[in-house]
Amino acid sequence: MAATTTATFQGSILGGDNGDKTIGPVSYSNTTGCPYVQYIVLQAGANTITPPTAPAPTGCLIKLPSSNTSVVTLKGASGDTGIAIGKTTGTVLHWDKTAVPASFVLSSVSTQTGLYTEIHYF
C-alpha cells in the first residue's frame, strides 16, 4: 500500500497596519506519497541535492539546523545567484509530481560540521 502524504502550513501576522491576518492554511497532498527524509551536513560552497524519484514527491520542507551560523542559499544550479534562505529557517518548495526537479543546490557560506540539514519530501 502506498503512503499518502499531506503537508499543511499556517501562520499569522499580529499587529500589522491592517490588523491581524491569518496565512493559510495551505495544504499539499500526494496520494502516492513520498515519506522520504534526507539528512545532509552542508559543506562550504554548492551542495547538489537530488530528490527521490519513486514515489515522486510533490515538494519538500528544507529545515536548517537550529544552531547553524552560516547563511544558506537556494539555487537551481551552482552558478545561479539564488535566494538566501537564512541560517536556521525552514523553506517549503512545491512542484507538480510530473515535473520533479532533477536536482537543486543548497550553497553554504562554510562547512556545517556536525549539523544536519533535514529535507522532508512529501
Protein backbone atom coordinates (compact mmCIF):
# COMPACT_ATOMS: atom_id res chain seq x y z
CA MET A 1 0.00 0.00 0.00
CA ALA A 2 1.41 3.39 -0.98
CA ALA A 3 1.77 6.13 1.59
CA THR A 4 -0.34 9.28 1.40
CA THR A 5 1.38 12.49 2.44
CA THR A 6 -0.16 15.82 3.37
CA ALA A 7 1.83 18.89 4.36
CA THR A 8 -0.15 21.79 5.86
CA PHE A 9 1.30 25.23 6.59
CA GLN A 10 -0.40 28.01 8.52
CA GLY A 11 0.69 31.19 10.24
CA SER A 12 -0.43 34.59 11.41
CA ILE A 13 0.64 38.22 11.35
CA LEU A 14 -0.24 40.08 14.52
CA GLY A 15 -0.29 43.86 14.99
CA GLY A 16 0.15 44.82 11.33
CA ASP A 17 -1.01 48.14 9.86
CA ASN A 18 -4.15 46.43 8.52
CA GLY A 19 -4.83 44.39 11.65
CA ASP A 20 -4.19 40.76 12.35
CA LYS A 21 -4.02 38.35 9.39
CA THR A 22 -4.09 34.58 9.09
CA ILE A 23 -1.89 32.95 6.48
CA GLY A 24 -3.28 29.72 5.12
CA PRO A 25 -3.82 27.04 5.87
CA VAL A 26 -2.22 25.85 2.66
CA SER A 27 -2.16 22.08 2.18
CA TYR A 28 -0.26 19.95 -0.30
CA SER A 29 -1.33 16.33 -0.72
CA ASN A 30 0.21 13.44 -2.58
CA THR A 31 -1.85 10.25 -2.90
CA THR A 32 1.26 8.31 -3.86
CA GLY A 33 3.18 9.96 -1.05
CA CYS A 34 6.89 10.19 -0.69
CA PRO A 35 7.68 9.79 3.03
CA TYR A 36 11.41 10.30 2.50
CA VAL A 37 13.83 12.41 4.56
CA GLN A 38 17.42 13.34 3.65
CA TYR A 39 19.88 14.38 6.36
CA ILE A 40 22.82 16.35 4.96
CA VAL A 41 25.83 18.06 6.52
CA LEU A 42 26.25 21.03 4.18
CA GLN A 43 29.80 21.67 3.03
CA ALA A 44 31.20 25.09 2.12
CA GLY A 45 30.00 26.04 -1.36
CA ALA A 46 27.50 24.26 -3.60
CA ASN A 47 25.78 21.10 -2.32
CA THR A 48 23.71 19.38 -5.02
CA ILE A 49 20.51 17.84 -3.66
CA THR A 50 18.83 15.07 -5.66
CA PRO A 51 15.17 14.44 -4.79
CA PRO A 52 13.89 10.87 -4.80
CA THR A 53 12.17 9.70 -7.99
CA ALA A 54 9.91 6.87 -6.80
CA PRO A 55 7.46 7.60 -5.47
CA ALA A 56 7.58 11.08 -6.94
CA PRO A 57 7.35 13.85 -4.32
CA THR A 58 5.23 16.98 -4.78
CA GLY A 59 7.64 19.12 -2.77
CA CYS A 60 9.85 19.35 0.27
CA LEU A 61 10.48 21.21 3.51
CA ILE A 62 14.10 22.27 3.96
CA LYS A 63 14.80 22.58 7.69
CA LEU A 64 18.14 24.18 8.54
CA PRO A 65 19.85 23.30 11.85
CA SER A 66 18.76 25.44 14.82
CA SER A 67 22.38 26.20 15.81
CA ASN A 68 23.67 26.94 12.29
CA THR A 69 25.65 30.17 11.84
CA SER A 70 26.24 30.04 8.05
CA VAL A 71 23.90 31.62 5.50
CA VAL A 72 22.40 29.07 3.10
CA THR A 73 21.33 29.99 -0.43
CA LEU A 74 18.84 28.01 -2.54
CA LYS A 75 19.81 27.74 -6.21
CA GLY A 76 18.58 25.94 -9.31
CA ALA A 77 22.20 25.27 -10.31
CA SER A 78 25.53 26.12 -8.69
CA GLY A 79 26.14 29.12 -10.99
CA ASP A 80 22.84 30.81 -10.11
CA THR A 81 22.72 33.83 -7.80
CA GLY A 82 19.96 32.10 -5.86
CA ILE A 83 17.91 33.21 -2.87
CA ALA A 84 19.34 33.36 0.63
CA ILE A 85 17.02 31.27 2.83
CA GLY A 86 18.79 32.07 6.10
CA LYS A 87 20.70 30.20 8.78
CA THR A 88 18.09 28.45 10.92
CA THR A 89 14.86 28.76 8.94
CA GLY A 90 12.57 26.34 7.18
CA THR A 91 11.72 26.72 3.49
CA VAL A 92 8.95 24.96 1.55
CA LEU A 93 9.30 24.08 -2.13
CA HIS A 94 6.31 22.77 -4.06
CA TRP A 95 6.17 21.36 -7.58
CA ASP A 96 3.98 19.11 -9.72
CA LYS A 97 4.89 15.44 -9.25
CA THR A 98 5.18 15.13 -13.04
CA ALA A 99 7.87 17.84 -13.00
CA VAL A 100 10.11 16.94 -10.05
CA PRO A 101 13.41 18.81 -10.37
CA ALA A 102 16.36 16.54 -11.17
CA SER A 103 18.29 18.47 -8.53
CA PHE A 104 18.66 21.78 -6.74
CA VAL A 105 21.55 23.35 -4.87
CA LEU A 106 21.96 24.49 -1.27
CA SER A 107 25.03 26.68 -1.05
CA SER A 108 26.56 27.25 2.39
CA VAL A 109 29.00 30.01 3.36
CA SER A 110 31.01 27.48 5.39
CA THR A 111 31.00 23.79 6.31
CA GLN A 112 28.37 22.99 8.93
CA THR A 113 30.37 20.37 10.81
CA GLY A 114 28.16 18.13 12.96
CA LEU A 115 24.95 19.93 11.91
CA TYR A 116 22.32 18.21 9.80
CA THR A 117 20.01 19.95 7.36
CA GLU A 118 16.79 17.94 7.06
CA ILE A 119 14.91 17.73 3.77
CA HIS A 120 11.44 16.24 4.26
CA TYR A 121 9.76 15.24 0.99
CA PHE A 122 6.00 14.96 0.60
